Every structure is written in structure tokens, then in C-alpha cells.
């Protein structure tokens, strides 16, 4: 009886793994077909297939980048900015995504000057966006394995010099492991959060409080990126690049 259960479990695992591979092959086939349609200039149909992939739960920076390109070709600049931003969130160091995002931003009404950042924040941002989350995760795995190896050498070696070298090197790799693991975790958490959004309405007046009768502060237009600060009922508190804050209806926003 025990062998029958084990055999059934193995069959189930093999079946599940085969099903996953089949789904991945189907997704790749749809992605390739959508890319062919894009190359033929059939952007609206290509987007239907791209969205089909995202609805199935498969997302990548390449997919989102292609969606941004398709929307850009259709002159739907707010949507192109949205998907370029989504792609950049997954792969912040990709120059092609940054270039196309900058180009799309030249096509919208608002040209908001960004507040200057303190130098150490600029340095940290450059380091933080150097690698995507999965690369930092692999680095942390390698450093952890290296730390274990060095600990093993320290415990088994009879030479004092080797033991000292292994001990201090293990300390260093452990510190680096903690740092890389922290970066991987933080970047993964960031990709799962929606703390930024794109405006999807031709013109919207930003209010001083979450009420249509409150004081008008300033006007923003479609395609503008905002930082989400708070949410109350059907209103969102936002901040734009120059530091100005206010409230707008949540329905006019699509989260990045």
C-alpha cells in the first residue's frame, strides 16, 4: 500500500511539472505570436495577446516593455508610460526602457521639474537600481554558500593562518550576504507594492482635501506620474515630481 501511495505521488509530481512546462510553452508561443503581429504593425491585436499573457499571471520586463512600445506606436502615450514604468520597476537598469520612457514623457502635456536630491540619495539610487531583485537573490545564495564553505574550512583546518583567513573572510561574506539578501527582499517587496500611479484623464484639478468642493490647488494632465501618499474613500492623496501635494479621485489613476 505504501509503495502504491509513493507511486501515485510521483505520478502527480511528474504530471504537475509537465503541466507547468506546457503552460510555459503556451505562454512563449503566444508571446512570439504577439511579437510577430507587432513587427507587422498590427499593434492592437498584439496588445490583445500581450494582455492575455498578463491575465494568465505571467509578467516580465520584456513583456511590459513590448506593451509600452505597442501603446506608443498607437499614440496612447499614458498607457505607454504606464507599461514602461512597470517594466522599469522590474528592471531598473535597462537603458532601452529608460530611453523609451523619456521619449514617451516628451509627448504629454505636463513637464514637471523634479526636486533635486541630496547627493547620497543619488548614489544610493544608482547602486540600488544597479541589478534586479533576482540577480541580488542569486548573489546572496552564492555568498551564503561561500560563507558555509569558509566556516567548514575554519573548523577542519589545522593551520592557524588558514583558520584566521577563513574566519575573517567568512565574516566579510556573511555581511555581504546579509546586505545582498536585504536588497533582494526590499526590491521584491517594492515590485509587489503600488505606491505610484499614472493619471488617465485629459485634465484633472488637484484638490486641497478629499472633497469635490474643496479648494483647487493645481491642474495635471494624462500621462503624469504621481506618488501615492494616502487613500480615503474614493480619493487618493498624491505628490508630483516638484513636491506639490493634493487629492484627486482614485478612479482617474492606474497603479504602476
C-alpha atoms as a PDB file:
ATOM      1  CA  UNK A   1       0.000   0.000   0.000  1.00  0.00           C
ATOM      2  CA  UNK A   2       2.848   2.344   0.889  1.00  0.00           C
ATOM      3  CA  UNK A   3       4.519   1.743  -2.494  1.00  0.00           C
ATOM      4  CA  UNK A   4       1.244   2.463  -4.294  1.00  0.00           C
ATOM      5  CA  UNK A   5       0.928   5.829  -2.475  1.00  0.00           C
ATOM      6  CA  UNK A   6       4.519   6.694  -3.313  1.00  0.00           C
ATOM      7  CA  UNK A   7       3.992   5.765  -6.951  1.00  0.00           C
ATOM      8  CA  UNK A   8       0.832   7.900  -7.123  1.00  0.00           C
ATOM      9  CA  UNK A   9       2.698  10.817  -5.547  1.00  0.00           C
ATOM     10  CA  UNK A  10       5.490  10.536  -8.118  1.00  0.00           C
ATOM     11  CA  UNK A  11       2.939  10.406 -10.946  1.00  0.00           C
ATOM     12  CA  UNK A  12       1.220  13.508  -9.537  1.00  0.00           C
ATOM     13  CA  UNK A  13       4.515  15.415  -9.312  1.00  0.00           C
ATOM     14  CA  UNK A  14       5.507  14.443 -12.853  1.00  0.00           C
ATOM     15  CA  UNK A  15       2.054  15.401 -14.156  1.00  0.00           C
ATOM     16  CA  UNK A  16       2.151  18.773 -12.377  1.00  0.00           C
ATOM     17  CA  UNK A  17       5.652  19.530 -13.646  1.00  0.00           C
ATOM     18  CA  UNK A  18       4.625  18.582 -17.181  1.00  0.00           C
ATOM     19  CA  UNK A  19       1.583  20.818 -16.911  1.00  0.00           C
ATOM     20  CA  UNK A  20       3.732  23.756 -15.806  1.00  0.00           C
ATOM     21  CA  UNK A  21       6.117  23.207 -18.723  1.00  0.00           C
ATOM     22  CA  UNK A  22       3.185  23.003 -21.128  1.00  0.00           C
ATOM     23  CA  UNK A  23       1.752  26.273 -19.793  1.00  0.00           C
ATOM     24  CA  UNK A  24       5.124  27.983 -20.123  1.00  0.00           C
ATOM     25  CA  UNK A  25       5.441  26.738 -23.704  1.00  0.00           C
ATOM     26  CA  UNK A  26       1.947  28.046 -24.477  1.00  0.00           C
ATOM     27  CA  UNK A  27       2.831  31.445 -22.998  1.00  0.00           C
ATOM     28  CA  UNK A  28       6.039  31.598 -25.030  1.00  0.00           C
ATOM     29  CA  UNK A  29       4.088  30.682 -28.165  1.00  0.00           C
ATOM     30  CA  UNK A  30       1.546  33.470 -27.517  1.00  0.00           C
ATOM     31  CA  UNK A  31       4.365  35.935 -26.778  1.00  0.00           C
ATOM     32  CA  UNK A  32       6.168  35.037 -30.016  1.00  0.00           C
ATOM     33  CA  UNK A  33       2.924  35.363 -32.000  1.00  0.00           C
ATOM     34  CA  UNK A  34       2.212  38.757 -30.422  1.00  0.00           C
ATOM     35  CA  UNK A  35       5.724  39.908 -31.322  1.00  0.00           C
ATOM     36  CA  UNK A  36       5.147  38.824 -34.928  1.00  0.00           C
ATOM     37  CA  UNK A  37       1.952  40.877 -35.027  1.00  0.00           C
ATOM     38  CA  UNK A  38       3.840  43.836 -33.541  1.00  0.00           C
ATOM     39  CA  UNK A  39       6.526  43.567 -36.228  1.00  0.00           C
ATOM     40  CA  UNK A  40       3.758  43.527 -38.842  1.00  0.00           C
ATOM     41  CA  UNK A  41       2.335  46.751 -37.409  1.00  0.00           C
ATOM     42  CA  UNK A  42      -0.848  45.133 -36.037  1.00  0.00           C
ATOM     43  CA  UNK A  43      -0.369  46.743 -32.633  1.00  0.00           C
ATOM     44  CA  UNK A  44      -3.935  46.495 -31.326  1.00  0.00           C
ATOM     45  CA  UNK A  45      -4.105  42.729 -31.927  1.00  0.00           C
ATOM     46  CA  UNK A  46      -0.619  42.258 -30.492  1.00  0.00           C
ATOM     47  CA  UNK A  47      -1.797  44.001 -27.327  1.00  0.00           C
ATOM     48  CA  UNK A  48      -4.721  41.596 -27.027  1.00  0.00           C
ATOM     49  CA  UNK A  49      -2.251  38.702 -26.851  1.00  0.00           C
ATOM     50  CA  UNK A  50       0.103  40.581 -24.520  1.00  0.00           C
ATOM     51  CA  UNK A  51      -2.780  41.244 -22.127  1.00  0.00           C
ATOM     52  CA  UNK A  52      -3.794  37.596 -22.393  1.00  0.00           C
ATOM     53  CA  UNK A  53      -0.376  36.667 -21.022  1.00  0.00           C
ATOM     54  CA  UNK A  54      -0.598  39.106 -18.104  1.00  0.00           C
ATOM     55  CA  UNK A  55      -4.091  37.880 -17.228  1.00  0.00           C
ATOM     56  CA  UNK A  56      -2.666  34.357 -17.020  1.00  0.00           C
ATOM     57  CA  UNK A  57      -0.282  35.623 -14.336  1.00  0.00           C
ATOM     58  CA  UNK A  58       2.930  35.797 -16.359  1.00  0.00           C
ATOM     59  CA  UNK A  59       4.789  39.109 -16.210  1.00  0.00           C
ATOM     60  CA  UNK A  60       8.301  40.107 -17.267  1.00  0.00           C
ATOM     61  CA  UNK A  61      10.116  43.313 -18.077  1.00  0.00           C
ATOM     62  CA  UNK A  62      10.375  42.228 -21.739  1.00  0.00           C
ATOM     63  CA  UNK A  63       6.617  41.694 -21.963  1.00  0.00           C
ATOM     64  CA  UNK A  64       5.783  45.020 -20.294  1.00  0.00           C
ATOM     65  CA  UNK A  65       8.356  46.812 -22.444  1.00  0.00           C
ATOM     66  CA  UNK A  66       6.764  45.427 -25.613  1.00  0.00           C
ATOM     67  CA  UNK A  67       3.345  46.515 -24.375  1.00  0.00           C
ATOM     68  CA  UNK A  68       4.695  50.012 -23.802  1.00  0.00           C
ATOM     69  CA  UNK A  69       6.115  50.045 -27.326  1.00  0.00           C
ATOM     70  CA  UNK A  70       2.810  48.912 -28.826  1.00  0.00           C
ATOM     71  CA  UNK A  71       0.867  51.614 -26.988  1.00  0.00           C
ATOM     72  CA  UNK A  72       3.462  54.195 -28.061  1.00  0.00           C
ATOM     73  CA  UNK A  73       3.052  53.183 -31.699  1.00  0.00           C
ATOM     74  CA  UNK A  74      -0.713  53.661 -31.277  1.00  0.00           C
ATOM     75  CA  UNK A  75      -0.052  57.136 -29.795  1.00  0.00           C
ATOM     76  CA  UNK A  76      -1.630  56.098 -26.494  1.00  0.00           C
ATOM     77  CA  UNK A  77       1.094  57.819 -24.502  1.00  0.00           C
ATOM     78  CA  UNK A  78      -0.408  57.478 -20.979  1.00  0.00           C
ATOM     79  CA  UNK A  79      -0.658  53.704 -21.447  1.00  0.00           C
ATOM     80  CA  UNK A  80       2.844  53.515 -22.912  1.00  0.00           C
ATOM     81  CA  UNK A  81       4.220  55.421 -19.912  1.00  0.00           C
ATOM     82  CA  UNK A  82       2.335  53.108 -17.550  1.00  0.00           C
ATOM     83  CA  UNK A  83       3.845  49.955 -19.028  1.00  0.00           C
ATOM     84  CA  UNK A  84       7.324  51.425 -19.416  1.00  0.00           C
ATOM     85  CA  UNK A  85       7.172  52.314 -15.718  1.00  0.00           C
ATOM     86  CA  UNK A  86       6.017  48.784 -14.874  1.00  0.00           C
ATOM     87  CA  UNK A  87       8.892  47.339 -16.921  1.00  0.00           C
ATOM     88  CA  UNK A  88      11.388  49.696 -15.287  1.00  0.00           C
ATOM     89  CA  UNK A  89      10.124  48.608 -11.880  1.00  0.00           C
ATOM     90  CA  UNK A  90      11.218  45.049 -12.692  1.00  0.00           C
ATOM     91  CA  UNK A  91      14.460  46.013 -14.460  1.00  0.00           C
ATOM     92  CA  UNK A  92      15.516  49.495 -13.287  1.00  0.00           C
ATOM     93  CA  UNK A  93      18.910  49.461 -15.001  1.00  0.00           C
ATOM     94  CA  UNK A  94      17.598  48.759 -18.522  1.00  0.00           C
ATOM     95  CA  UNK A  95      18.690  51.662 -20.729  1.00  0.00           C
ATOM     96  CA  UNK A  96      16.233  50.868 -23.535  1.00  0.00           C
ATOM     97  CA  UNK A  97      13.281  51.103 -21.165  1.00  0.00           C
ATOM     98  CA  UNK A  98      14.597  54.365 -19.704  1.00  0.00           C
ATOM     99  CA  UNK A  99      15.137  55.847 -23.162  1.00  0.00           C
ATOM    100  CA  UNK A 100      11.650  54.975 -24.410  1.00  0.00           C
ATOM    101  CA  UNK A 101      10.055  56.166 -21.171  1.00  0.00           C
ATOM    102  CA  UNK A 102      11.831  59.515 -21.502  1.00  0.00           C
ATOM    103  CA  UNK A 103      10.658  59.751 -25.113  1.00  0.00           C
ATOM    104  CA  UNK A 104       7.045  58.992 -24.130  1.00  0.00           C
ATOM    105  CA  UNK A 105       7.188  61.647 -21.406  1.00  0.00           C
ATOM    106  CA  UNK A 106       8.015  64.265 -24.031  1.00  0.00           C
ATOM    107  CA  UNK A 107       4.659  63.519 -25.677  1.00  0.00           C
ATOM    108  CA  UNK A 108       2.470  64.524 -22.719  1.00  0.00           C
ATOM    109  CA  UNK A 109       1.374  67.982 -21.586  1.00  0.00           C
ATOM    110  CA  UNK A 110       2.967  68.227 -18.140  1.00  0.00           C
ATOM    111  CA  UNK A 111       6.711  68.894 -18.000  1.00  0.00           C
ATOM    112  CA  UNK A 112       7.215  68.956 -14.238  1.00  0.00           C
ATOM    113  CA  UNK A 113      10.669  69.750 -12.884  1.00  0.00           C
ATOM    114  CA  UNK A 114      11.917  67.196 -10.391  1.00  0.00           C
ATOM    115  CA  UNK A 115      13.135  68.346  -6.993  1.00  0.00           C
ATOM    116  CA  UNK A 116      16.932  67.976  -6.677  1.00  0.00           C
ATOM    117  CA  UNK A 117      18.034  65.076  -4.494  1.00  0.00           C
ATOM    118  CA  UNK A 118      20.791  65.022  -1.873  1.00  0.00           C
ATOM    119  CA  UNK A 119      23.975  63.533  -3.315  1.00  0.00           C
ATOM    120  CA  UNK A 120      23.987  60.425  -1.118  1.00  0.00           C
ATOM    121  CA  UNK A 121      20.422  59.623  -2.198  1.00  0.00           C
ATOM    122  CA  UNK A 122      21.522  59.857  -5.824  1.00  0.00           C
ATOM    123  CA  UNK A 123      24.419  57.472  -5.097  1.00  0.00           C
ATOM    124  CA  UNK A 124      22.175  55.060  -3.245  1.00  0.00           C
ATOM    125  CA  UNK A 125      19.574  55.097  -6.038  1.00  0.00           C
ATOM    126  CA  UNK A 126      22.280  54.350  -8.604  1.00  0.00           C
ATOM    127  CA  UNK A 127      23.528  51.409  -6.521  1.00  0.00           C
ATOM    128  CA  UNK A 128      20.002  50.221  -5.675  1.00  0.00           C
ATOM    129  CA  UNK A 129      18.941  50.133  -9.328  1.00  0.00           C
ATOM    130  CA  UNK A 130      22.174  48.521 -10.484  1.00  0.00           C
ATOM    131  CA  UNK A 131      20.720  44.977 -10.521  1.00  0.00           C
ATOM    132  CA  UNK A 132      17.205  43.479 -10.480  1.00  0.00           C
ATOM    133  CA  UNK A 133      15.878  41.547  -7.472  1.00  0.00           C
ATOM    134  CA  UNK A 134      16.555  38.075  -8.906  1.00  0.00           C
ATOM    135  CA  UNK A 135      20.230  38.871  -9.522  1.00  0.00           C
ATOM    136  CA  UNK A 136      20.647  40.129  -5.942  1.00  0.00           C
ATOM    137  CA  UNK A 137      18.935  36.940  -4.764  1.00  0.00           C
ATOM    138  CA  UNK A 138      21.409  34.755  -6.686  1.00  0.00           C
ATOM    139  CA  UNK A 139      24.317  36.793  -5.324  1.00  0.00           C
ATOM    140  CA  UNK A 140      23.038  36.233  -1.782  1.00  0.00           C
ATOM    141  CA  UNK A 141      22.782  32.466  -2.439  1.00  0.00           C
ATOM    142  CA  UNK A 142      26.380  32.345  -3.704  1.00  0.00           C
ATOM    143  CA  UNK A 143      27.641  34.389  -0.742  1.00  0.00           C
ATOM    144  CA  UNK A 144      25.755  32.167   1.701  1.00  0.00           C
ATOM    145  CA  UNK A 145      27.268  29.032   0.156  1.00  0.00           C
ATOM    146  CA  UNK A 146      30.705  30.629   0.238  1.00  0.00           C
ATOM    147  CA  UNK A 147      30.248  31.527   3.922  1.00  0.00           C
ATOM    148  CA  UNK A 148      29.357  27.924   4.743  1.00  0.00           C
ATOM    149  CA  UNK A 149      32.416  26.694   2.855  1.00  0.00           C
ATOM    150  CA  UNK A 150      34.667  29.108   4.740  1.00  0.00           C
ATOM    151  CA  UNK A 151      33.162  28.033   8.066  1.00  0.00           C
ATOM    152  CA  UNK A 152      33.858  24.405   7.123  1.00  0.00           C
ATOM    153  CA  UNK A 153      37.479  25.272   6.283  1.00  0.00           C
ATOM    154  CA  UNK A 154      37.812  27.128   9.591  1.00  0.00           C
ATOM    155  CA  UNK A 155      36.517  24.144  11.579  1.00  0.00           C
ATOM    156  CA  UNK A 156      38.514  21.472   9.775  1.00  0.00           C
ATOM    157  CA  UNK A 157      41.849  23.145   9.028  1.00  0.00           C
ATOM    158  CA  UNK A 158      44.840  22.598  11.343  1.00  0.00           C
ATOM    159  CA  UNK A 159      46.835  25.558  10.051  1.00  0.00           C
ATOM    160  CA  UNK A 160      46.465  28.762  12.058  1.00  0.00           C
ATOM    161  CA  UNK A 161      46.931  31.040   9.056  1.00  0.00           C
ATOM    162  CA  UNK A 162      44.268  29.240   7.061  1.00  0.00           C
ATOM    163  CA  UNK A 163      41.869  29.287  10.011  1.00  0.00           C
ATOM    164  CA  UNK A 164      42.321  33.048  10.540  1.00  0.00           C
ATOM    165  CA  UNK A 165      41.898  33.809   6.850  1.00  0.00           C
ATOM    166  CA  UNK A 166      38.805  31.626   6.635  1.00  0.00           C
ATOM    167  CA  UNK A 167      37.305  33.174   9.789  1.00  0.00           C
ATOM    168  CA  UNK A 168      37.645  36.812   8.721  1.00  0.00           C
ATOM    169  CA  UNK A 169      36.689  36.091   5.126  1.00  0.00           C
ATOM    170  CA  UNK A 170      33.599  34.258   6.387  1.00  0.00           C
ATOM    171  CA  UNK A 171      32.683  37.336   8.431  1.00  0.00           C
ATOM    172  CA  UNK A 172      33.017  39.513   5.343  1.00  0.00           C
ATOM    173  CA  UNK A 173      30.969  37.196   3.108  1.00  0.00           C
ATOM    174  CA  UNK A 174      28.307  36.905   5.821  1.00  0.00           C
ATOM    175  CA  UNK A 175      27.985  40.698   5.990  1.00  0.00           C
ATOM    176  CA  UNK A 176      27.796  40.861   2.192  1.00  0.00           C
ATOM    177  CA  UNK A 177      25.219  38.058   2.204  1.00  0.00           C
ATOM    178  CA  UNK A 178      23.027  39.944   4.676  1.00  0.00           C
ATOM    179  CA  UNK A 179      23.303  43.099   2.568  1.00  0.00           C
ATOM    180  CA  UNK A 180      22.520  41.387  -0.754  1.00  0.00           C
ATOM    181  CA  UNK A 181      19.677  39.393   0.785  1.00  0.00           C
ATOM    182  CA  UNK A 182      18.260  42.608   2.234  1.00  0.00           C
ATOM    183  CA  UNK A 183      18.460  44.307  -1.167  1.00  0.00           C
ATOM    184  CA  UNK A 184      16.786  41.350  -2.883  1.00  0.00           C
ATOM    185  CA  UNK A 185      13.980  41.302  -0.301  1.00  0.00           C
ATOM    186  CA  UNK A 186      13.475  45.065  -0.451  1.00  0.00           C
ATOM    187  CA  UNK A 187      13.402  45.142  -4.248  1.00  0.00           C
ATOM    188  CA  UNK A 188      10.953  42.218  -4.355  1.00  0.00           C
ATOM    189  CA  UNK A 189       8.735  43.977  -1.827  1.00  0.00           C
ATOM    190  CA  UNK A 190       8.928  47.146  -3.923  1.00  0.00           C
ATOM    191  CA  UNK A 191       7.810  45.314  -7.075  1.00  0.00           C
ATOM    192  CA  UNK A 192       4.776  43.957  -5.206  1.00  0.00           C
ATOM    193  CA  UNK A 193       3.668  47.371  -3.927  1.00  0.00           C
ATOM    194  CA  UNK A 194       1.659  50.014  -5.762  1.00  0.00           C
ATOM    195  CA  UNK A 195       2.910  53.342  -4.449  1.00  0.00           C
ATOM    196  CA  UNK A 196       2.994  55.195  -7.766  1.00  0.00           C
ATOM    197  CA  UNK A 197       0.395  55.746 -10.471  1.00  0.00           C
ATOM    198  CA  UNK A 198      -0.273  57.348 -13.854  1.00  0.00           C
ATOM    199  CA  UNK A 199      -3.079  59.850 -14.464  1.00  0.00           C
ATOM    200  CA  UNK A 200      -5.615  58.606 -17.036  1.00  0.00           C
ATOM    201  CA  UNK A 201      -7.853  61.603 -17.686  1.00  0.00           C
ATOM    202  CA  UNK A 202      -7.169  64.523 -20.071  1.00  0.00           C
ATOM    203  CA  UNK A 203      -7.282  67.140 -17.293  1.00  0.00           C
ATOM    204  CA  UNK A 204      -7.841  66.902 -13.544  1.00  0.00           C
ATOM    205  CA  UNK A 205      -7.817  69.586 -10.856  1.00  0.00           C
ATOM    206  CA  UNK A 206      -5.961  68.605  -7.704  1.00  0.00           C
ATOM    207  CA  UNK A 207      -7.872  69.483  -4.533  1.00  0.00           C
ATOM    208  CA  UNK A 208      -6.712  70.562  -1.069  1.00  0.00           C
ATOM    209  CA  UNK A 209      -8.768  67.805   0.617  1.00  0.00           C
ATOM    210  CA  UNK A 210     -10.694  64.676  -0.440  1.00  0.00           C
ATOM    211  CA  UNK A 211     -13.803  66.585  -1.478  1.00  0.00           C
ATOM    212  CA  UNK A 212     -15.051  67.971  -4.783  1.00  0.00           C
ATOM    213  CA  UNK A 213     -15.972  71.240  -3.034  1.00  0.00           C
ATOM    214  CA  UNK A 214     -12.503  71.819  -1.550  1.00  0.00           C
ATOM    215  CA  UNK A 215     -10.000  74.410  -2.777  1.00  0.00           C
ATOM    216  CA  UNK A 216      -8.412  73.967  -6.212  1.00  0.00           C
ATOM    217  CA  UNK A 217      -4.627  73.715  -5.968  1.00  0.00           C
ATOM    218  CA  UNK A 218      -3.260  72.974  -9.444  1.00  0.00           C
ATOM    219  CA  UNK A 219      -4.053  71.079 -12.625  1.00  0.00           C
ATOM    220  CA  UNK A 220      -2.355  67.978 -14.028  1.00  0.00           C
ATOM    221  CA  UNK A 221      -2.931  66.064 -17.254  1.00  0.00           C
ATOM    222  CA  UNK A 222      -2.991  62.498 -18.524  1.00  0.00           C
ATOM    223  CA  UNK A 223       0.273  60.619 -18.519  1.00  0.00           C
ATOM    224  CA  UNK A 224       1.620  62.375 -15.421  1.00  0.00           C
ATOM    225  CA  UNK A 225       3.277  60.130 -12.869  1.00  0.00           C
ATOM    226  CA  UNK A 226       2.305  60.685  -9.218  1.00  0.00           C
ATOM    227  CA  UNK A 227       3.388  59.267  -5.885  1.00  0.00           C
ATOM    228  CA  UNK A 228       0.546  57.804  -3.808  1.00  0.00           C
ATOM    229  CA  UNK A 229       0.645  59.114  -0.239  1.00  0.00           C
ATOM    230  CA  UNK A 230      -2.740  58.190   1.238  1.00  0.00           C
ATOM    231  CA  UNK A 231      -6.173  56.885   0.385  1.00  0.00           C
ATOM    232  CA  UNK A 232      -9.538  57.939   1.771  1.00  0.00           C
ATOM    233  CA  UNK A 233     -12.835  56.627   0.434  1.00  0.00           C
ATOM    234  CA  UNK A 234     -12.719  57.251  -3.351  1.00  0.00           C
ATOM    235  CA  UNK A 235      -9.887  59.781  -3.144  1.00  0.00           C
ATOM    236  CA  UNK A 236      -6.097  59.466  -3.281  1.00  0.00           C
ATOM    237  CA  UNK A 237      -3.565  61.885  -1.877  1.00  0.00           C
ATOM    238  CA  UNK A 238      -0.772  62.377  -4.388  1.00  0.00           C
ATOM    239  CA  UNK A 239       2.553  64.140  -4.769  1.00  0.00           C
ATOM    240  CA  UNK A 240       4.010  65.178  -8.118  1.00  0.00           C
ATOM    241  CA  UNK A 241       7.695  65.448  -9.034  1.00  0.00           C
ATOM    242  CA  UNK A 242       8.086  69.074  -7.905  1.00  0.00           C
ATOM    243  CA  UNK A 243       6.847  68.239  -4.394  1.00  0.00           C
ATOM    244  CA  UNK A 244       3.304  69.634  -4.693  1.00  0.00           C
ATOM    245  CA  UNK A 245       0.635  67.518  -2.993  1.00  0.00           C
ATOM    246  CA  UNK A 246      -3.146  67.270  -3.086  1.00  0.00           C
ATOM    247  CA  UNK A 247      -6.130  64.982  -3.565  1.00  0.00           C
ATOM    248  CA  UNK A 248      -7.724  63.568  -6.727  1.00  0.00           C
ATOM    249  CA  UNK A 249     -10.361  60.867  -7.361  1.00  0.00           C
ATOM    250  CA  UNK A 250      -8.810  57.399  -7.318  1.00  0.00           C
ATOM    251  CA  UNK A 251     -10.712  56.370 -10.434  1.00  0.00           C
ATOM    252  CA  UNK A 252      -8.534  58.591 -12.659  1.00  0.00           C
ATOM    253  CA  UNK A 253      -5.382  56.705 -11.659  1.00  0.00           C
ATOM    254  CA  UNK A 254      -3.843  53.418 -12.739  1.00  0.00           C
ATOM    255  CA  UNK A 255      -1.231  51.992 -10.384  1.00  0.00           C
ATOM    256  CA  UNK A 256       2.262  51.146 -11.533  1.00  0.00           C
END
